[in-house]
Amino acid sequence: GGTVHQDVALREFGEETGLFGPDGFYVMNSAAADYRLT
């Protein structure tokens, strides 16, 4: 729905992509730097 706790999003992201931990945080921070997410 456009907002979600980062723990939930990163867990689902890891399940979908196989990238957990620092890799997920890197993508999250890159998405914020690209103005896709806050």
Full PDB file with SEQRES, HELIX, SHEET, SSBOND, CRYST1, ORIGX, SCALE, CONECT and MASTER records, all heavy atoms in Angstrom:
SEQRES   1 A   38  GLY GLY THR VAL HIS GLN ASP VAL ALA LEU ARG GLU PHE          
SEQRES   2 A   38  GLY GLU GLU THR GLY LEU PHE GLY PRO ASP GLY PHE TYR          
SEQRES   3 A   38  VAL MET ASN SER ALA ALA ALA ASP TYR ARG LEU THR              
HELIX    1 AA1 GLN A    6  THR A   17  1                                  12    
HELIX    2 AA2 PRO A   22  ALA A   33  1                                  12    
CRYST1    1.000    1.000    1.000  90.00  90.00  90.00 P 1           1          
ORIGX1      1.000000  0.000000  0.000000        0.00000                         
ORIGX2      0.000000  1.000000  0.000000        0.00000                         
ORIGX3      0.000000  0.000000  1.000000        0.00000                         
SCALE1      1.000000  0.000000  0.000000        0.00000                         
SCALE2      0.000000  1.000000  0.000000        0.00000                         
SCALE3      0.000000  0.000000  1.000000        0.00000                         
ATOM      1  N   GLY A   1       0.782  -1.222   0.000  1.00  0.00           N  
ATOM      2  CA  GLY A   1       0.000   0.000   0.000  1.00  0.00           C  
ATOM      3  C   GLY A   1       0.816   1.276   0.000  1.00  0.00           C  
ATOM      4  O   GLY A   1       0.280   2.351   0.259  1.00  0.00           O  
ATOM      5  N   GLY A   2       2.099   1.194  -0.236  1.00  0.00           N  
ATOM      6  CA  GLY A   2       2.938   2.387  -0.337  1.00  0.00           C  
ATOM      7  C   GLY A   2       3.785   2.676   0.881  1.00  0.00           C  
ATOM      8  O   GLY A   2       4.683   3.512   0.816  1.00  0.00           O  
ATOM      9  N   THR A   3       3.517   1.999   1.998  1.00  0.00           N  
ATOM     10  CA  THR A   3       4.377   2.126   3.184  1.00  0.00           C  
ATOM     11  C   THR A   3       4.487   0.758   3.848  1.00  0.00           C  
ATOM     12  O   THR A   3       3.526  -0.011   3.879  1.00  0.00           O  
ATOM     13  CB  THR A   3       3.826   3.133   4.229  1.00  0.00           C  
ATOM     14  OG1 THR A   3       2.536   2.706   4.656  1.00  0.00           O  
ATOM     15  CG2 THR A   3       3.755   4.539   3.673  1.00  0.00           C  
ATOM     16  N   VAL A   4       5.671   0.486   4.374  1.00  0.00           N  
ATOM     17  CA  VAL A   4       5.904  -0.793   5.039  1.00  0.00           C  
ATOM     18  C   VAL A   4       7.138  -0.636   5.938  1.00  0.00           C  
ATOM     19  O   VAL A   4       8.038   0.154   5.643  1.00  0.00           O  
ATOM     20  CB  VAL A   4       6.089  -1.944   4.014  1.00  0.00           C  
ATOM     21  CG1 VAL A   4       7.314  -1.731   3.154  1.00  0.00           C  
ATOM     22  CG2 VAL A   4       6.139  -3.293   4.698  1.00  0.00           C  
ATOM     23  N   HIS A   5       7.171  -1.365   7.041  1.00  0.00           N  
ATOM     24  CA  HIS A   5       8.348  -1.335   7.903  1.00  0.00           C  
ATOM     25  C   HIS A   5       9.512  -1.980   7.156  1.00  0.00           C  
ATOM     26  O   HIS A   5       9.345  -2.983   6.466  1.00  0.00           O  
ATOM     27  CB  HIS A   5       8.077  -2.064   9.220  1.00  0.00           C  
ATOM     28  CG  HIS A   5       9.081  -1.726  10.269  1.00  0.00           C  
ATOM     29  ND1 HIS A   5      10.292  -2.352  10.343  1.00  0.00           N  
ATOM     30  CD2 HIS A   5       9.069  -0.788  11.246  1.00  0.00           C  
ATOM     31  CE1 HIS A   5      10.990  -1.837  11.340  1.00  0.00           C  
ATOM     32  NE2 HIS A   5      10.263  -0.878  11.905  1.00  0.00           N  
ATOM     33  N   GLN A   6      10.690  -1.397   7.302  1.00  0.00           N  
ATOM     34  CA  GLN A   6      11.838  -1.895   6.536  1.00  0.00           C  
ATOM     35  C   GLN A   6      12.174  -3.337   6.876  1.00  0.00           C  
ATOM     36  O   GLN A   6      12.635  -4.074   5.997  1.00  0.00           O  
ATOM     37  CB  GLN A   6      13.057  -0.995   6.718  1.00  0.00           C  
ATOM     38  CG  GLN A   6      13.720  -1.055   8.057  1.00  0.00           C  
ATOM     39  CD  GLN A   6      14.911  -0.122   8.137  1.00  0.00           C  
ATOM     40  OE1 GLN A   6      15.023   0.827   7.377  1.00  0.00           O  
ATOM     41  NE2 GLN A   6      15.794  -0.384   9.057  1.00  0.00           N  
ATOM     42  N   ASP A   7      11.930  -3.782   8.090  1.00  0.00           N  
ATOM     43  CA  ASP A   7      12.208  -5.184   8.428  1.00  0.00           C  
ATOM     44  C   ASP A   7      11.361  -6.128   7.577  1.00  0.00           C  
ATOM     45  O   ASP A   7      11.855  -7.155   7.089  1.00  0.00           O  
ATOM     46  CB  ASP A   7      11.945  -5.450   9.911  1.00  0.00           C  
ATOM     47  CG  ASP A   7      12.929  -4.763  10.832  1.00  0.00           C  
ATOM     48  OD1 ASP A   7      13.993  -4.310  10.343  1.00  0.00           O  
ATOM     49  OD2 ASP A   7      12.634  -4.663  12.036  1.00  0.00           O  
ATOM     50  N   VAL A   8      10.100  -5.774   7.402  1.00  0.00           N  
ATOM     51  CA  VAL A   8       9.196  -6.592   6.588  1.00  0.00           C  
ATOM     52  C   VAL A   8       9.637  -6.554   5.133  1.00  0.00           C  
ATOM     53  O   VAL A   8       9.736  -7.588   4.467  1.00  0.00           O  
ATOM     54  CB  VAL A   8       7.739  -6.094   6.739  1.00  0.00           C  
ATOM     55  CG1 VAL A   8       6.813  -6.816   5.779  1.00  0.00           C  
ATOM     56  CG2 VAL A   8       7.268  -6.255   8.174  1.00  0.00           C  
ATOM     57  N   ALA A   9       9.903  -5.353   4.627  1.00  0.00           N  
ATOM     58  CA  ALA A   9      10.298  -5.199   3.223  1.00  0.00           C  
ATOM     59  C   ALA A   9      11.604  -5.927   2.934  1.00  0.00           C  
ATOM     60  O   ALA A   9      11.721  -6.625   1.916  1.00  0.00           O  
ATOM     61  CB  ALA A   9      10.429  -3.721   2.873  1.00  0.00           C  
ATOM     62  N   LEU A  10      12.580  -5.793   3.820  1.00  0.00           N  
ATOM     63  CA  LEU A  10      13.877  -6.433   3.583  1.00  0.00           C  
ATOM     64  C   LEU A  10      13.788  -7.952   3.700  1.00  0.00           C  
ATOM     65  O   LEU A  10      14.481  -8.672   2.980  1.00  0.00           O  
ATOM     66  CB  LEU A  10      14.936  -5.863   4.520  1.00  0.00           C  
ATOM     67  CG  LEU A  10      15.334  -4.411   4.220  1.00  0.00           C  
ATOM     68  CD1 LEU A  10      16.300  -3.899   5.274  1.00  0.00           C  
ATOM     69  CD2 LEU A  10      15.931  -4.282   2.832  1.00  0.00           C  
ATOM     70  N   ARG A  11      12.926  -8.452   4.585  1.00  0.00           N  
ATOM     71  CA  ARG A  11      12.735  -9.898   4.681  1.00  0.00           C  
ATOM     72  C   ARG A  11      12.132 -10.428   3.377  1.00  0.00           C  
ATOM     73  O   ARG A  11      12.611 -11.406   2.803  1.00  0.00           O  
ATOM     74  CB  ARG A  11      11.850 -10.268   5.870  1.00  0.00           C  
ATOM     75  CG  ARG A  11      11.682 -11.774   6.027  1.00  0.00           C  
ATOM     76  CD  ARG A  11      10.807 -12.174   7.205  1.00  0.00           C  
ATOM     77  NE  ARG A  11       9.446 -11.710   7.017  1.00  0.00           N  
ATOM     78  CZ  ARG A  11       8.846 -10.779   7.756  1.00  0.00           C  
ATOM     79  NH1 ARG A  11       9.470 -10.232   8.768  1.00  0.00           N  
ATOM     80  NH2 ARG A  11       7.604 -10.408   7.513  1.00  0.00           N  
ATOM     81  N   GLU A  12      11.073  -9.754   2.887  1.00  0.00           N  
ATOM     82  CA  GLU A  12      10.450 -10.184   1.636  1.00  0.00           C  
ATOM     83  C   GLU A  12      11.414 -10.028   0.459  1.00  0.00           C  
ATOM     84  O   GLU A  12      11.457 -10.884  -0.432  1.00  0.00           O  
ATOM     85  CB  GLU A  12       9.169  -9.390   1.381  1.00  0.00           C  
ATOM     86  CG  GLU A  12       8.053  -9.749   2.341  1.00  0.00           C  
ATOM     87  CD  GLU A  12       6.767  -8.991   2.063  1.00  0.00           C  
ATOM     88  OE1 GLU A  12       6.571  -8.531   0.906  1.00  0.00           O  
ATOM     89  OE2 GLU A  12       5.956  -8.870   2.989  1.00  0.00           O  
ATOM     90  N   PHE A  13      12.182  -8.950   0.465  1.00  0.00           N  
ATOM     91  CA  PHE A  13      13.170  -8.727  -0.592  1.00  0.00           C  
ATOM     92  C   PHE A  13      14.182  -9.873  -0.599  1.00  0.00           C  
ATOM     93  O   PHE A  13      14.524 -10.407  -1.646  1.00  0.00           O  
ATOM     94  CB  PHE A  13      13.865  -7.381  -0.376  1.00  0.00           C  
ATOM     95  CG  PHE A  13      14.943  -7.089  -1.374  1.00  0.00           C  
ATOM     96  CD1 PHE A  13      14.631  -6.659  -2.653  1.00  0.00           C  
ATOM     97  CD2 PHE A  13      16.282  -7.236  -1.034  1.00  0.00           C  
ATOM     98  CE1 PHE A  13      15.634  -6.395  -3.585  1.00  0.00           C  
ATOM     99  CE2 PHE A  13      17.279  -6.976  -1.952  1.00  0.00           C  
ATOM    100  CZ  PHE A  13      16.957  -6.546  -3.231  1.00  0.00           C  
ATOM    101  N   GLY A  14      14.652 -10.258   0.571  1.00  0.00           N  
ATOM    102  CA  GLY A  14      15.600 -11.366   0.670  1.00  0.00           C  
ATOM    103  C   GLY A  14      15.008 -12.672   0.188  1.00  0.00           C  
ATOM    104  O   GLY A  14      15.674 -13.454  -0.502  1.00  0.00           O  
ATOM    105  N   GLU A  15      13.735 -12.917   0.532  1.00  0.00           N  
ATOM    106  CA  GLU A  15      13.081 -14.149   0.092  1.00  0.00           C  
ATOM    107  C   GLU A  15      12.929 -14.178  -1.425  1.00  0.00           C  
ATOM    108  O   GLU A  15      13.045 -15.237  -2.043  1.00  0.00           O  
ATOM    109  CB  GLU A  15      11.711 -14.279   0.765  1.00  0.00           C  
ATOM    110  CG  GLU A  15      11.812 -14.550   2.264  1.00  0.00           C  
ATOM    111  CD  GLU A  15      10.490 -14.399   2.987  1.00  0.00           C  
ATOM    112  OE1 GLU A  15       9.478 -13.980   2.372  1.00  0.00           O  
ATOM    113  OE2 GLU A  15      10.466 -14.667   4.204  1.00  0.00           O  
ATOM    114  N   GLU A  16      12.673 -13.013  -2.035  1.00  0.00           N  
ATOM    115  CA  GLU A  16      12.484 -12.955  -3.491  1.00  0.00           C  
ATOM    116  C   GLU A  16      13.794 -12.990  -4.265  1.00  0.00           C  
ATOM    117  O   GLU A  16      13.856 -13.543  -5.358  1.00  0.00           O  
ATOM    118  CB  GLU A  16      11.719 -11.689  -3.875  1.00  0.00           C  
ATOM    119  CG  GLU A  16      10.259 -11.721  -3.508  1.00  0.00           C  
ATOM    120  CD  GLU A  16       9.510 -10.483  -3.960  1.00  0.00           C  
ATOM    121  OE1 GLU A  16      10.026  -9.732  -4.825  1.00  0.00           O  
ATOM    122  OE2 GLU A  16       8.399 -10.272  -3.453  1.00  0.00           O  
ATOM    123  N   THR A  17      14.829 -12.366  -3.712  1.00  0.00           N  
ATOM    124  CA  THR A  17      16.073 -12.200  -4.471  1.00  0.00           C  
ATOM    125  C   THR A  17      17.236 -13.034  -3.954  1.00  0.00           C  
ATOM    126  O   THR A  17      18.234 -13.196  -4.654  1.00  0.00           O  
ATOM    127  CB  THR A  17      16.517 -10.729  -4.455  1.00  0.00           C  
ATOM    128  OG1 THR A  17      16.833 -10.356  -3.112  1.00  0.00           O  
ATOM    129  CG2 THR A  17      15.446  -9.809  -5.023  1.00  0.00           C  
ATOM    130  N   GLY A  18      17.136 -13.509  -2.726  1.00  0.00           N  
ATOM    131  CA  GLY A  18      18.249 -14.224  -2.114  1.00  0.00           C  
ATOM    132  C   GLY A  18      19.292 -13.297  -1.511  1.00  0.00           C  
ATOM    133  O   GLY A  18      20.339 -13.752  -1.067  1.00  0.00           O  
ATOM    134  N   LEU A  19      19.015 -11.995  -1.512  1.00  0.00           N  
ATOM    135  CA  LEU A  19      19.953 -11.006  -0.959  1.00  0.00           C  
ATOM    136  C   LEU A  19      19.461 -10.564   0.420  1.00  0.00           C  
ATOM    137  O   LEU A  19      18.404  -9.957   0.540  1.00  0.00           O  
ATOM    138  CB  LEU A  19      20.068  -9.787  -1.881  1.00  0.00           C  
ATOM    139  CG  LEU A  19      20.591 -10.070  -3.288  1.00  0.00           C  
ATOM    140  CD1 LEU A  19      20.522  -8.811  -4.132  1.00  0.00           C  
ATOM    141  CD2 LEU A  19      22.015 -10.592  -3.226  1.00  0.00           C  
ATOM    142  N   PHE A  20      20.239 -10.895   1.438  1.00  0.00           N  
ATOM    143  CA  PHE A  20      19.875 -10.561   2.803  1.00  0.00           C  
ATOM    144  C   PHE A  20      20.953  -9.658   3.411  1.00  0.00           C  
ATOM    145  O   PHE A  20      22.030  -9.484   2.847  1.00  0.00           O  
ATOM    146  CB  PHE A  20      19.749 -11.837   3.652  1.00  0.00           C  
ATOM    147  CG  PHE A  20      18.605 -12.720   3.256  1.00  0.00           C  
ATOM    148  CD1 PHE A  20      18.780 -13.742   2.338  1.00  0.00           C  
ATOM    149  CD2 PHE A  20      17.353 -12.523   3.810  1.00  0.00           C  
ATOM    150  CE1 PHE A  20      17.723 -14.562   1.976  1.00  0.00           C  
ATOM    151  CE2 PHE A  20      16.282 -13.343   3.453  1.00  0.00           C  
ATOM    152  CZ  PHE A  20      16.479 -14.360   2.534  1.00  0.00           C  
ATOM    153  N   GLY A  21      20.668  -9.132   4.576  1.00  0.00           N  
ATOM    154  CA  GLY A  21      21.654  -8.363   5.340  1.00  0.00           C  
ATOM    155  C   GLY A  21      22.149  -7.129   4.628  1.00  0.00           C  
ATOM    156  O   GLY A  21      21.356  -6.347   4.103  1.00  0.00           O  
ATOM    157  N   PRO A  22      23.465  -6.953   4.572  1.00  0.00           N  
ATOM    158  CA  PRO A  22      24.039  -5.734   3.991  1.00  0.00           C  
ATOM    159  C   PRO A  22      23.631  -5.499   2.541  1.00  0.00           C  
ATOM    160  O   PRO A  22      23.478  -4.352   2.120  1.00  0.00           O  
ATOM    161  CB  PRO A  22      25.551  -5.954   4.088  1.00  0.00           C  
ATOM    162  CG  PRO A  22      25.734  -6.973   5.144  1.00  0.00           C  
ATOM    163  CD  PRO A  22      24.502  -7.833   5.118  1.00  0.00           C  
ATOM    164  N   ASP A  23      23.421  -6.574   1.778  1.00  0.00           N  
ATOM    165  CA  ASP A  23      23.014  -6.405   0.383  1.00  0.00           C  
ATOM    166  C   ASP A  23      21.637  -5.757   0.283  1.00  0.00           C  
ATOM    167  O   ASP A  23      21.408  -4.881  -0.540  1.00  0.00           O  
ATOM    168  CB  ASP A  23      23.019  -7.744  -0.354  1.00  0.00           C  
ATOM    169  CG  ASP A  23      24.411  -8.322  -0.499  1.00  0.00           C  
ATOM    170  OD1 ASP A  23      25.374  -7.536  -0.605  1.00  0.00           O  
ATOM    171  OD2 ASP A  23      24.532  -9.555  -0.493  1.00  0.00           O  
ATOM    172  N   GLY A  24      20.719  -6.185   1.135  1.00  0.00           N  
ATOM    173  CA  GLY A  24      19.385  -5.589   1.150  1.00  0.00           C  
ATOM    174  C   GLY A  24      19.430  -4.131   1.563  1.00  0.00           C  
ATOM    175  O   GLY A  24      18.744  -3.286   0.974  1.00  0.00           O  
ATOM    176  N   PHE A  25      20.241  -3.821   2.567  1.00  0.00           N  
ATOM    177  CA  PHE A  25      20.380  -2.424   2.989  1.00  0.00           C  
ATOM    178  C   PHE A  25      21.000  -1.574   1.885  1.00  0.00           C  
ATOM    179  O   PHE A  25      20.618  -0.420   1.700  1.00  0.00           O  
ATOM    180  CB  PHE A  25      21.213  -2.318   4.268  1.00  0.00           C  
ATOM    181  CG  PHE A  25      20.430  -2.648   5.501  1.00  0.00           C  
ATOM    182  CD1 PHE A  25      20.572  -3.883   6.110  1.00  0.00           C  
ATOM    183  CD2 PHE A  25      19.545  -1.731   6.043  1.00  0.00           C  
ATOM    184  CE1 PHE A  25      19.850  -4.199   7.244  1.00  0.00           C  
ATOM    185  CE2 PHE A  25      18.809  -2.035   7.176  1.00  0.00           C  
ATOM    186  CZ  PHE A  25      18.957  -3.276   7.782  1.00  0.00           C  
ATOM    187  N   TYR A  26      21.941  -2.140   1.141  1.00  0.00           N  
ATOM    188  CA  TYR A  26      22.552  -1.406   0.031  1.00  0.00           C  
ATOM    189  C   TYR A  26      21.501  -1.042  -1.016  1.00  0.00           C  
ATOM    190  O   TYR A  26      21.447   0.091  -1.502  1.00  0.00           O  
ATOM    191  CB  TYR A  26      23.678  -2.226  -0.602  1.00  0.00           C  
ATOM    192  CG  TYR A  26      24.300  -1.549  -1.793  1.00  0.00           C  
ATOM    193  CD1 TYR A  26      25.207  -0.515  -1.633  1.00  0.00           C  
ATOM    194  CD2 TYR A  26      23.951  -1.923  -3.090  1.00  0.00           C  
ATOM    195  CE1 TYR A  26      25.773   0.126  -2.728  1.00  0.00           C  
ATOM    196  CE2 TYR A  26      24.506  -1.284  -4.185  1.00  0.00           C  
ATOM    197  CZ  TYR A  26      25.411  -0.267  -3.998  1.00  0.00           C  
ATOM    198  OH  TYR A  26      25.952   0.363  -5.088  1.00  0.00           O  
ATOM    199  N   VAL A  27      20.650  -1.993  -1.353  1.00  0.00           N  
ATOM    200  CA  VAL A  27      19.594  -1.736  -2.343  1.00  0.00           C  
ATOM    201  C   VAL A  27      18.600  -0.724  -1.781  1.00  0.00           C  
ATOM    202  O   VAL A  27      18.174   0.196  -2.490  1.00  0.00           O  
ATOM    203  CB  VAL A  27      18.897  -3.045  -2.760  1.00  0.00           C  
ATOM    204  CG1 VAL A  27      17.685  -2.768  -3.652  1.00  0.00           C  
ATOM    205  CG2 VAL A  27      19.884  -3.968  -3.462  1.00  0.00           C  
ATOM    206  N   MET A  28      18.237  -0.849  -0.505  1.00  0.00           N  
ATOM    207  CA  MET A  28      17.307   0.096   0.114  1.00  0.00           C  
ATOM    208  C   MET A  28      17.884   1.511   0.075  1.00  0.00           C  
ATOM    209  O   MET A  28      17.191   2.468  -0.298  1.00  0.00           O  
ATOM    210  CB  MET A  28      17.015  -0.313   1.554  1.00  0.00           C  
ATOM    211  CG  MET A  28      16.041   0.616   2.272  1.00  0.00           C  
ATOM    212  SD  MET A  28      15.741   0.117   3.984  1.00  0.00           S  
ATOM    213  CE  MET A  28      17.326   0.510   4.723  1.00  0.00           C  
ATOM    214  N   ASN A  29      19.140   1.655   0.438  1.00  0.00           N  
ATOM    215  CA  ASN A  29      19.772   2.977   0.421  1.00  0.00           C  
ATOM    216  C   ASN A  29      19.919   3.510  -1.008  1.00  0.00           C  
ATOM    217  O   ASN A  29      19.779   4.706  -1.246  1.00  0.00           O  
ATOM    218  CB  ASN A  29      21.123   2.944   1.126  1.00  0.00           C  
ATOM    219  CG  ASN A  29      20.974   2.762   2.617  1.00  0.00           C  
ATOM    220  OD1 ASN A  29      19.973   3.132   3.205  1.00  0.00           O  
ATOM    221  ND2 ASN A  29      21.983   2.161   3.232  1.00  0.00           N  
ATOM    222  N   SER A  30      20.175   2.616  -1.958  1.00  0.00           N  
ATOM    223  CA  SER A  30      20.257   3.031  -3.357  1.00  0.00           C  
ATOM    224  C   SER A  30      18.892   3.502  -3.860  1.00  0.00           C  
ATOM    225  O   SER A  30      18.810   4.471  -4.619  1.00  0.00           O  
ATOM    226  CB  SER A  30      20.767   1.886  -4.226  1.00  0.00           C  
ATOM    227  OG  SER A  30      22.089   1.547  -3.861  1.00  0.00           O  
ATOM    228  N   ALA A  31      17.832   2.825  -3.444  1.00  0.00           N  
ATOM    229  CA  ALA A  31      16.475   3.244  -3.833  1.00  0.00           C  
ATOM    230  C   ALA A  31      16.158   4.621  -3.264  1.00  0.00           C  
ATOM    231  O   ALA A  31      15.537   5.449  -3.932  1.00  0.00           O  
ATOM    232  CB  ALA A  31      15.451   2.217  -3.362  1.00  0.00           C  
ATOM    233  N   ALA A  32      16.606   4.878  -2.038  1.00  0.00           N  
ATOM    234  CA  ALA A  32      16.392   6.202  -1.442  1.00  0.00           C  
ATOM    235  C   ALA A  32      17.230   7.254  -2.164  1.00  0.00           C  
ATOM    236  O   ALA A  32      16.756   8.356  -2.440  1.00  0.00           O  
ATOM    237  CB  ALA A  32      16.726   6.162   0.046  1.00  0.00           C  
ATOM    238  N   ALA A  33      18.455   6.914  -2.519  1.00  0.00           N  
ATOM    239  CA  ALA A  33      19.322   7.857  -3.227  1.00  0.00           C  
ATOM    240  C   ALA A  33      18.774   8.167  -4.619  1.00  0.00           C  
ATOM    241  O   ALA A  33      18.979   9.264  -5.141  1.00  0.00           O  
ATOM    242  CB  ALA A  33      20.741   7.305  -3.334  1.00  0.00           C  
ATOM    243  N   ASP A  34      18.057   7.213  -5.198  1.00  0.00           N  
ATOM    244  CA  ASP A  34      17.468   7.387  -6.521  1.00  0.00           C  
ATOM    245  C   ASP A  34      16.072   8.014  -6.436  1.00  0.00           C  
ATOM    246  O   ASP A  34      15.370   8.107  -7.431  1.00  0.00           O  
ATOM    247  CB  ASP A  34      17.395   6.030  -7.229  1.00  0.00           C  
ATOM    248  CG  ASP A  34      17.233   6.131  -8.722  1.00  0.00           C  
ATOM    249  OD1 ASP A  34      17.757   7.092  -9.322  1.00  0.00           O  
ATOM    250  OD2 ASP A  34      16.564   5.249  -9.300  1.00  0.00           O  
ATOM    251  N   TYR A  35      15.659   8.410  -5.249  1.00  0.00           N  
ATOM    252  CA  TYR A  35      14.354   9.044  -4.990  1.00  0.00           C  
ATOM    253  C   TYR A  35      13.181   8.146  -5.338  1.00  0.00           C  
ATOM    254  O   TYR A  35      12.111   8.618  -5.689  1.00  0.00           O  
ATOM    255  CB  TYR A  35      14.232  10.396  -5.724  1.00  0.00           C  
ATOM    256  CG  TYR A  35      15.316  11.355  -5.351  1.00  0.00           C  
ATOM    257  CD1 TYR A  35      16.339  11.651  -6.244  1.00  0.00           C  
ATOM    258  CD2 TYR A  35      15.335  11.942  -4.092  1.00  0.00           C  
ATOM    259  CE1 TYR A  35      17.365  12.519  -5.895  1.00  0.00           C  
ATOM    260  CE2 TYR A  35      16.350  12.812  -3.735  1.00  0.00           C  
ATOM    261  CZ  TYR A  35      17.359  13.098  -4.636  1.00  0.00           C  
ATOM    262  OH  TYR A  35      18.360  13.950  -4.278  1.00  0.00           O  
ATOM    263  N   ARG A  36      13.371   6.838  -5.225  1.00  0.00           N  
ATOM    264  CA  ARG A  36      12.270   5.899  -5.466  1.00  0.00           C  
ATOM    265  C   ARG A  36      11.519   5.606  -4.179  1.00  0.00           C  
ATOM    266  O   ARG A  36      10.314   5.341  -4.205  1.00  0.00           O  
ATOM    267  CB  ARG A  36      12.813   4.589  -6.047  1.00  0.00           C  
ATOM    268  CG  ARG A  36      13.560   4.709  -7.362  1.00  0.00           C  
ATOM    269  CD  ARG A  36      12.657   4.920  -8.553  1.00  0.00           C  
ATOM    270  NE  ARG A  36      11.622   3.907  -8.693  1.00  0.00           N  
ATOM    271  CZ  ARG A  36      11.796   2.718  -9.268  1.00  0.00           C  
ATOM    272  NH1 ARG A  36      12.967   2.387  -9.779  1.00  0.00           N  
ATOM    273  NH2 ARG A  36      10.804   1.874  -9.354  1.00  0.00           N  
ATOM    274  N   LEU A  37      12.260   5.632  -3.045  1.00  0.00           N  
ATOM    275  CA  LEU A  37      11.675   5.387  -1.731  1.00  0.00           C  
ATOM    276  C   LEU A  37      12.228   6.397  -0.746  1.00  0.00           C  
ATOM    277  O   LEU A  37      13.315   6.925  -0.935  1.00  0.00           O  
ATOM    278  CB  LEU A  37      12.047   3.990  -1.212  1.00  0.00           C  
ATOM    279  CG  LEU A  37      11.590   2.777  -1.991  1.00  0.00           C  
ATOM    280  CD1 LEU A  37      12.210   1.523  -1.384  1.00  0.00           C  
ATOM    281  CD2 LEU A  37      10.085   2.669  -1.984  1.00  0.00           C  
ATOM    282  N   THR A  38      11.468   6.613   0.325  1.00  0.00           N  
ATOM    283  CA  THR A  38      12.020   7.334   1.465  1.00  0.00           C  
ATOM    284  C   THR A  38      12.127   6.329   2.603  1.00  0.00           C  
ATOM    285  O   THR A  38      11.361   5.380   2.691  1.00  0.00           O  
ATOM    286  CB  THR A  38      11.138   8.523   1.900  1.00  0.00           C  
ATOM    287  OG1 THR A  38       9.840   8.044   2.245  1.00  0.00           O  
ATOM    288  CG2 THR A  38      11.036   9.557   0.798  1.00  0.00           C  
TER     289      THR A  38                                                      
MASTER        0    0    0    2    0    0    0    6  288    1    0    3          
END                                                                             
